[in-house]
C-alpha atoms as a PDB file:
ATOM      1  CA  MET A   1       0.000   0.000   0.000  1.00  0.00           C
ATOM      2  CA  ILE A   2       1.562   3.261  -1.133  1.00  0.00           C
ATOM      3  CA  ILE A   3       1.237   6.288   1.141  1.00  0.00           C
ATOM      4  CA  ASN A   4       1.699   9.750  -0.338  1.00  0.00           C
ATOM      5  CA  LEU A   5       3.468  12.123   2.033  1.00  0.00           C
ATOM      6  CA  ASP A   6       2.381  15.750   2.359  1.00  0.00           C
ATOM      7  CA  ASN A   7       5.991  16.930   1.995  1.00  0.00           C
ATOM      8  CA  PRO A   8       8.993  15.150   0.479  1.00  0.00           C
ATOM      9  CA  ILE A   9      11.423  13.764   3.060  1.00  0.00           C
ATOM     10  CA  ASN A  10      15.067  12.717   2.975  1.00  0.00           C
ATOM     11  CA  PHE A  11      16.039   9.198   3.954  1.00  0.00           C
ATOM     12  CA  ILE A  12      19.698   8.631   4.753  1.00  0.00           C
ATOM     13  CA  ILE A  13      20.622   5.393   3.010  1.00  0.00           C
ATOM     14  CA  ARG A  14      24.297   5.455   3.901  1.00  0.00           C
ATOM     15  CA  PRO A  15      26.159   8.285   5.536  1.00  0.00           C
ATOM     16  CA  ILE A  16      27.100   9.556   2.070  1.00  0.00           C
ATOM     17  CA  LEU A  17      23.865   8.836   0.198  1.00  0.00           C
ATOM     18  CA  GLU A  18      20.613  10.722   0.631  1.00  0.00           C
ATOM     19  CA  GLU A  19      17.484  10.638  -1.511  1.00  0.00           C
ATOM     20  CA  SER A  20      14.393  12.819  -1.367  1.00  0.00           C
ATOM     21  CA  VAL A  21      11.124  10.877  -1.758  1.00  0.00           C
ATOM     22  CA  SER A  22       7.465  11.882  -1.944  1.00  0.00           C
ATOM     23  CA  SER A  23       5.982   8.485  -1.145  1.00  0.00           C
ATOM     24  CA  VAL A  24       6.816   5.227   0.568  1.00  0.00           C
ATOM     25  CA  ASP A  25       5.383   1.769  -0.037  1.00  0.00           C
ATOM     26  CA  ILE A  26       4.499  -0.436   2.923  1.00  0.00           C
ATOM     27  CA  ILE A  27       5.478  -3.907   1.787  1.00  0.00           C
ATOM     28  CA  GLU A  28       4.950  -5.720   5.078  1.00  0.00           C
ATOM     29  CA  LEU A  29       3.488  -5.177   8.539  1.00  0.00           C
ATOM     30  CA  ARG A  30       4.856  -7.398  11.326  1.00  0.00           C
ATOM     31  CA  ASP A  31       2.899  -7.664  14.565  1.00  0.00           C
ATOM     32  CA  SER A  32       4.879  -9.381  17.332  1.00  0.00           C
ATOM     33  CA  PRO A  33       2.633  -9.627  20.418  1.00  0.00           C
ATOM     34  CA  ASN A  34       5.263 -11.597  22.382  1.00  0.00           C
ATOM     35  CA  VAL A  35       7.643  -8.628  22.282  1.00  0.00           C
ATOM     36  CA  LYS A  36       4.893  -5.980  22.007  1.00  0.00           C
ATOM     37  CA  LYS A  37       6.081  -4.465  18.738  1.00  0.00           C
ATOM     38  CA  VAL A  38       4.661  -3.624  15.298  1.00  0.00           C
ATOM     39  CA  ILE A  39       7.152  -3.052  12.479  1.00  0.00           C
ATOM     40  CA  ALA A  40       6.426  -1.732   8.996  1.00  0.00           C
ATOM     41  CA  VAL A  41       8.828  -2.665   6.221  1.00  0.00           C
ATOM     42  CA  ILE A  42       8.797   0.177   3.715  1.00  0.00           C
ATOM     43  CA  LYS A  43      10.233   0.512   0.228  1.00  0.00           C
ATOM     44  CA  PHE A  44      11.187   3.861  -1.264  1.00  0.00           C
ATOM     45  CA  GLY A  45      13.334   5.658  -3.794  1.00  0.00           C
ATOM     46  CA  GLN A  46      14.452   4.934  -7.312  1.00  0.00           C
ATOM     47  CA  ASN A  47      16.496   1.930  -6.198  1.00  0.00           C
ATOM     48  CA  ASN A  48      13.699   0.459  -4.044  1.00  0.00           C
ATOM     49  CA  TYR A  49      15.578   0.744  -0.772  1.00  0.00           C
ATOM     50  CA  THR A  50      13.914  -0.878   2.231  1.00  0.00           C
ATOM     51  CA  LYS A  51      13.785   0.230   5.851  1.00  0.00           C
ATOM     52  CA  ASN A  52      12.122  -1.143   8.979  1.00  0.00           C
ATOM     53  CA  LEU A  53      10.079   1.346  10.993  1.00  0.00           C
ATOM     54  CA  THR A  54       8.882   0.504  14.492  1.00  0.00           C
ATOM     55  CA  LEU A  55       5.300   1.759  14.622  1.00  0.00           C
ATOM     56  CA  TRP A  56       4.427   0.845  18.206  1.00  0.00           C
ATOM     57  CA  GLU A  57       6.215  -0.978  20.986  1.00  0.00           C
ATOM     58  CA  GLY A  58       5.889  -1.514  24.718  1.00  0.00           C
ATOM     59  CA  VAL A  59       3.264   0.724  26.326  1.00  0.00           C
ATOM     60  CA  ASP A  60       2.402   2.284  22.942  1.00  0.00           C
ATOM     61  CA  TYR A  61       1.704  -1.222  21.635  1.00  0.00           C
ATOM     62  CA  ASP A  62      -0.654  -1.837  24.565  1.00  0.00           C
ATOM     63  CA  ASN A  63      -2.345   1.542  24.057  1.00  0.00           C
ATOM     64  CA  ILE A  64      -3.008   1.095  20.318  1.00  0.00           C
ATOM     65  CA  GLY A  65      -4.807  -2.202  20.957  1.00  0.00           C
ATOM     66  CA  GLN A  66      -6.310  -3.715  17.808  1.00  0.00           C
ATOM     67  CA  TRP A  67      -4.749  -1.495  15.145  1.00  0.00           C
ATOM     68  CA  THR A  68      -5.967  -1.301  11.539  1.00  0.00           C
ATOM     69  CA  ASP A  69      -4.181  -0.777   8.225  1.00  0.00           C
ATOM     70  CA  THR A  70      -5.399   2.839   8.377  1.00  0.00           C
ATOM     71  CA  ASP A  71      -3.752   3.238  11.811  1.00  0.00           C
ATOM     72  CA  ALA A  72      -0.512   1.780  10.425  1.00  0.00           C
ATOM     73  CA  GLN A  73      -0.567   4.056   7.372  1.00  0.00           C
ATOM     74  CA  ALA A  74      -1.112   7.118   9.564  1.00  0.00           C
ATOM     75  CA  ARG A  75       1.726   6.060  11.879  1.00  0.00           C
ATOM     76  CA  VAL A  76       4.138   5.473   8.971  1.00  0.00           C
ATOM     77  CA  LYS A  77       3.306   8.914   7.623  1.00  0.00           C
ATOM     78  CA  GLU A  78       3.789  10.462  11.076  1.00  0.00           C
ATOM     79  CA  ILE A  79       7.174   8.775  11.536  1.00  0.00           C
ATOM     80  CA  CYS A  80       8.394   9.609   8.040  1.00  0.00           C
ATOM     81  CA  GLU A  81       7.384  13.239   8.258  1.00  0.00           C
ATOM     82  CA  GLY A  82       9.141  13.494  11.627  1.00  0.00           C
ATOM     83  CA  LEU A  83      12.504  12.416  10.157  1.00  0.00           C
END
């Protein structure tokens, strides 16, 4: 599911490589109740780089409860735009 960002952001791929992107593609959502963590695997950029984003963990995981894809999309956007 592709999420369009309101403003382009810069992801640091390596310390010497940076790419500005306007959208990211969530390719996988991993919910790990045993460790209280939800991770989104996103793909972005011309070379289809991937990055793991922790959406919720610990107390935040407990507080979100039964999250939806819409919740995950909003959280990815929030994290990305905060970078």
